[in-house]
Amino acid sequence: MINKSRLSLLVVAIVIAAILIAGCSTQNQGSNQTASTNPSASTNPSASTNPSTSSASPTASASPTVTPTVTPSPSPTASASPTATSTPTPLVLIPTNIYFAGGEYSKSGTQQPYINVAPASGILICGHGTVTATIGNVKPGGNDCFHTAYLDISSLNPGTHTLTLSYSGDSTYKSSQSTTQITVTA
């Protein structure tokens, strides 16, 4: 059973999609059409007043008249070529959350600390934007997108370190930042 808030959200999404689709129309080529509007509205109140009775009979009429005027245009030529347009940018950037698998890591261990960036849906973002850290070196997560990025801790001294992770965002995803701690052992 779909609750009312999810149903309302679905209806809003459908309306927005319909509006976006309706906005993607082609131009009329080959004829120039203009419409002239001639609204004629008249109100004719007629009232007669008599000491014993008073009556009013207002009459209103409105009849807009639209007369299209067609102006022929010159024959189209074959010299025009289509132009490429860029992909439209979303109106609202998708919020993201950057997080780190904090904890204790050994410099000699095989497990690398990983960094993930994900929107609320939880699907990892890979290949969009840049991940940086205030300490250590960040390596991309790879083509498999098992993790967004990895933190190379080989240059860090043993001890607990505080680091700030930043995700730059892009034309689809909003930037994000978080601060966390990592403990490096020898």
Protein backbone atom coordinates (compact mmCIF):
# COMPACT_ATOMS: atom_id res chain seq x y z
CA MET A 1 0.00 0.00 0.00
CA ILE A 2 1.48 3.37 -1.00
CA ASN A 3 1.15 6.00 1.67
CA LYS A 4 -0.17 9.47 0.82
CA SER A 5 3.18 11.27 0.95
CA ARG A 6 4.79 8.86 -1.53
CA LEU A 7 1.77 9.06 -3.79
CA SER A 8 1.89 12.87 -3.66
CA LEU A 9 5.61 12.79 -4.47
CA LEU A 10 4.92 10.50 -7.42
CA VAL A 11 2.20 12.82 -8.75
CA VAL A 12 4.51 15.84 -8.44
CA ALA A 13 7.29 13.97 -10.26
CA ILE A 14 4.91 13.07 -13.09
CA VAL A 15 3.71 16.67 -13.40
CA ILE A 16 7.29 17.97 -13.50
CA ALA A 17 8.22 15.38 -16.12
CA ALA A 18 5.20 16.36 -18.22
CA ILE A 19 6.18 20.03 -18.00
CA LEU A 20 9.77 19.26 -19.01
CA ILE A 21 8.61 17.13 -21.93
CA ALA A 22 6.14 19.80 -23.06
CA GLY A 23 8.97 22.35 -23.05
CA CYS A 24 10.89 20.29 -25.63
CA SER A 25 8.93 21.24 -28.74
CA THR A 26 10.15 21.98 -32.25
CA GLN A 27 9.87 25.34 -33.92
CA ASN A 28 7.49 25.98 -36.79
CA GLN A 29 9.54 26.56 -39.91
CA GLY A 30 8.33 27.72 -43.25
CA SER A 31 5.60 30.11 -42.20
CA ASN A 32 5.35 33.09 -39.98
CA GLN A 33 2.06 33.30 -38.17
CA THR A 34 0.91 36.12 -36.00
CA ALA A 35 -2.34 36.48 -34.19
CA SER A 36 -4.01 39.77 -33.60
CA THR A 37 -6.44 39.89 -30.75
CA ASN A 38 -9.33 42.23 -30.96
CA PRO A 39 -11.17 42.03 -27.69
CA SER A 40 -14.42 43.85 -27.73
CA ALA A 41 -16.19 44.05 -24.47
CA SER A 42 -19.13 46.25 -23.81
CA THR A 43 -21.17 46.71 -20.75
CA ASN A 44 -24.48 48.40 -21.17
CA PRO A 45 -26.19 48.98 -17.89
CA SER A 46 -29.58 50.51 -18.31
CA ALA A 47 -31.28 51.60 -15.18
CA SER A 48 -34.47 53.49 -14.72
CA THR A 49 -35.39 54.93 -11.45
CA ASN A 50 -38.92 55.77 -10.52
CA PRO A 51 -39.94 57.01 -7.10
CA SER A 52 -41.97 53.90 -6.40
CA THR A 53 -39.83 51.20 -8.05
CA SER A 54 -36.33 50.85 -9.18
CA SER A 55 -35.15 48.33 -11.72
CA ALA A 56 -31.79 47.75 -13.22
CA SER A 57 -31.07 45.45 -16.12
CA PRO A 58 -27.34 45.41 -16.80
CA THR A 59 -26.28 43.66 -19.97
CA ALA A 60 -22.70 42.56 -20.44
CA SER A 61 -21.13 40.90 -23.43
CA ALA A 62 -17.56 40.07 -24.30
CA SER A 63 -16.54 38.64 -27.62
CA PRO A 64 -12.81 38.46 -28.25
CA THR A 65 -12.00 38.05 -31.90
CA VAL A 66 -8.76 36.42 -33.00
CA THR A 67 -7.78 36.92 -36.60
CA PRO A 68 -4.68 34.99 -37.71
CA THR A 69 -2.50 36.69 -40.26
CA VAL A 70 -0.34 34.41 -42.38
CA THR A 71 2.72 35.93 -43.98
CA PRO A 72 4.49 33.72 -46.54
CA SER A 73 8.19 33.25 -45.96
CA PRO A 74 10.92 32.67 -48.51
CA SER A 75 11.69 29.12 -49.58
CA PRO A 76 14.00 27.32 -47.18
CA THR A 77 17.55 26.84 -48.36
CA ALA A 78 19.59 23.69 -47.93
CA SER A 79 22.62 25.55 -46.56
CA ALA A 80 21.49 25.47 -42.94
CA SER A 81 23.09 22.82 -40.74
CA PRO A 82 21.91 21.61 -37.34
CA THR A 83 23.87 22.81 -34.33
CA ALA A 84 24.69 20.67 -31.34
CA THR A 85 23.41 21.77 -27.97
CA SER A 86 24.86 20.87 -24.62
CA THR A 87 23.14 18.60 -22.13
CA PRO A 88 20.93 20.67 -19.84
CA THR A 89 22.08 21.04 -16.25
CA PRO A 90 19.67 19.75 -13.62
CA LEU A 91 17.79 22.51 -11.87
CA VAL A 92 18.70 21.13 -8.46
CA LEU A 93 21.99 19.40 -7.67
CA ILE A 94 21.69 16.04 -5.96
CA PRO A 95 22.97 16.26 -2.36
CA THR A 96 25.81 13.90 -1.45
CA ASN A 97 27.46 12.52 1.63
CA ILE A 98 31.18 11.75 1.77
CA TYR A 99 32.24 9.23 4.37
CA PHE A 100 35.35 7.37 5.41
CA ALA A 101 35.85 3.89 6.76
CA GLY A 102 37.62 5.23 9.81
CA GLY A 103 39.33 2.99 12.29
CA GLU A 104 42.75 1.49 12.72
CA TYR A 105 44.96 0.63 9.77
CA SER A 106 48.46 -0.79 9.61
CA LYS A 107 50.96 0.76 7.22
CA SER A 108 52.13 -2.76 6.41
CA GLY A 109 48.59 -4.16 6.06
CA THR A 110 46.84 -5.06 2.84
CA GLN A 111 43.60 -3.25 3.59
CA GLN A 112 43.47 0.37 2.41
CA PRO A 113 41.11 2.85 4.05
CA TYR A 114 38.34 3.64 1.59
CA ILE A 115 36.33 6.78 0.95
CA ASN A 116 32.80 6.70 -0.44
CA VAL A 117 30.57 9.42 -1.85
CA ALA A 118 26.86 8.67 -2.22
CA PRO A 119 23.54 10.48 -2.50
CA ALA A 120 20.62 9.52 -0.26
CA SER A 121 19.90 6.54 -2.53
CA GLY A 122 23.14 4.95 -1.32
CA ILE A 123 24.45 4.21 -4.83
CA LEU A 124 28.16 5.08 -4.93
CA ILE A 125 29.33 7.95 -7.10
CA CYS A 126 32.37 7.11 -9.20
CA GLY A 127 33.94 9.18 -11.95
CA HIS A 128 32.08 12.38 -11.05
CA GLY A 129 33.99 15.15 -9.29
CA THR A 130 37.19 14.90 -7.26
CA VAL A 131 37.86 13.51 -3.78
CA THR A 132 40.59 15.13 -1.70
CA ALA A 133 41.92 14.67 1.86
CA THR A 134 43.87 17.05 4.08
CA ILE A 135 46.46 14.31 4.78
CA GLY A 136 47.63 11.30 2.81
CA ASN A 137 47.14 10.76 -0.89
CA VAL A 138 43.79 9.92 -2.45
CA LYS A 139 43.66 7.31 -5.21
CA PRO A 140 40.62 6.83 -7.47
CA GLY A 141 38.37 3.88 -6.71
CA GLY A 142 38.85 2.18 -10.05
CA ASN A 143 36.54 1.15 -12.86
CA ASP A 144 34.60 -1.37 -10.76
CA CYS A 145 33.37 1.42 -8.44
CA PHE A 146 33.62 -0.85 -5.41
CA HIS A 147 34.59 2.33 -3.52
CA THR A 148 34.77 5.94 -4.71
CA ALA A 149 38.41 6.37 -3.65
CA TYR A 150 41.13 4.98 -1.36
CA LEU A 151 43.38 6.82 1.08
CA ASP A 152 47.07 5.96 0.74
CA ILE A 153 48.45 6.02 4.30
CA SER A 154 52.03 5.03 3.46
CA SER A 155 53.27 8.60 4.04
CA LEU A 156 51.54 8.99 7.44
CA ASN A 157 53.37 8.52 10.74
CA PRO A 158 51.93 6.06 13.26
CA GLY A 159 49.30 7.66 15.51
CA THR A 160 45.80 9.11 15.33
CA HIS A 161 45.19 11.66 12.62
CA THR A 162 42.25 13.96 11.98
CA LEU A 163 41.49 14.48 8.33
CA THR A 164 38.94 16.38 6.32
CA LEU A 165 37.54 14.70 3.23
CA SER A 166 36.11 16.83 0.43
CA TYR A 167 34.10 15.93 -2.64
CA SER A 168 34.12 18.64 -5.33
CA GLY A 169 30.78 17.73 -6.91
CA ASP A 170 29.97 18.34 -10.55
CA SER A 171 27.07 19.44 -12.75
CA THR A 172 24.85 16.70 -11.29
CA TYR A 173 26.04 16.15 -7.72
CA LYS A 174 26.44 18.70 -4.94
CA SER A 175 29.79 18.99 -3.13
CA SER A 176 30.20 17.62 0.40
CA GLN A 177 32.74 17.54 3.19
CA SER A 178 33.31 15.63 6.42
CA THR A 179 35.95 15.41 9.16
CA THR A 180 36.96 12.09 10.68
CA GLN A 181 39.85 10.32 12.40
CA ILE A 182 42.13 7.47 11.40
CA THR A 183 44.65 5.57 13.50
CA VAL A 184 47.77 4.38 11.72
CA THR A 185 49.92 1.65 13.25
CA ALA A 186 53.43 0.64 12.24
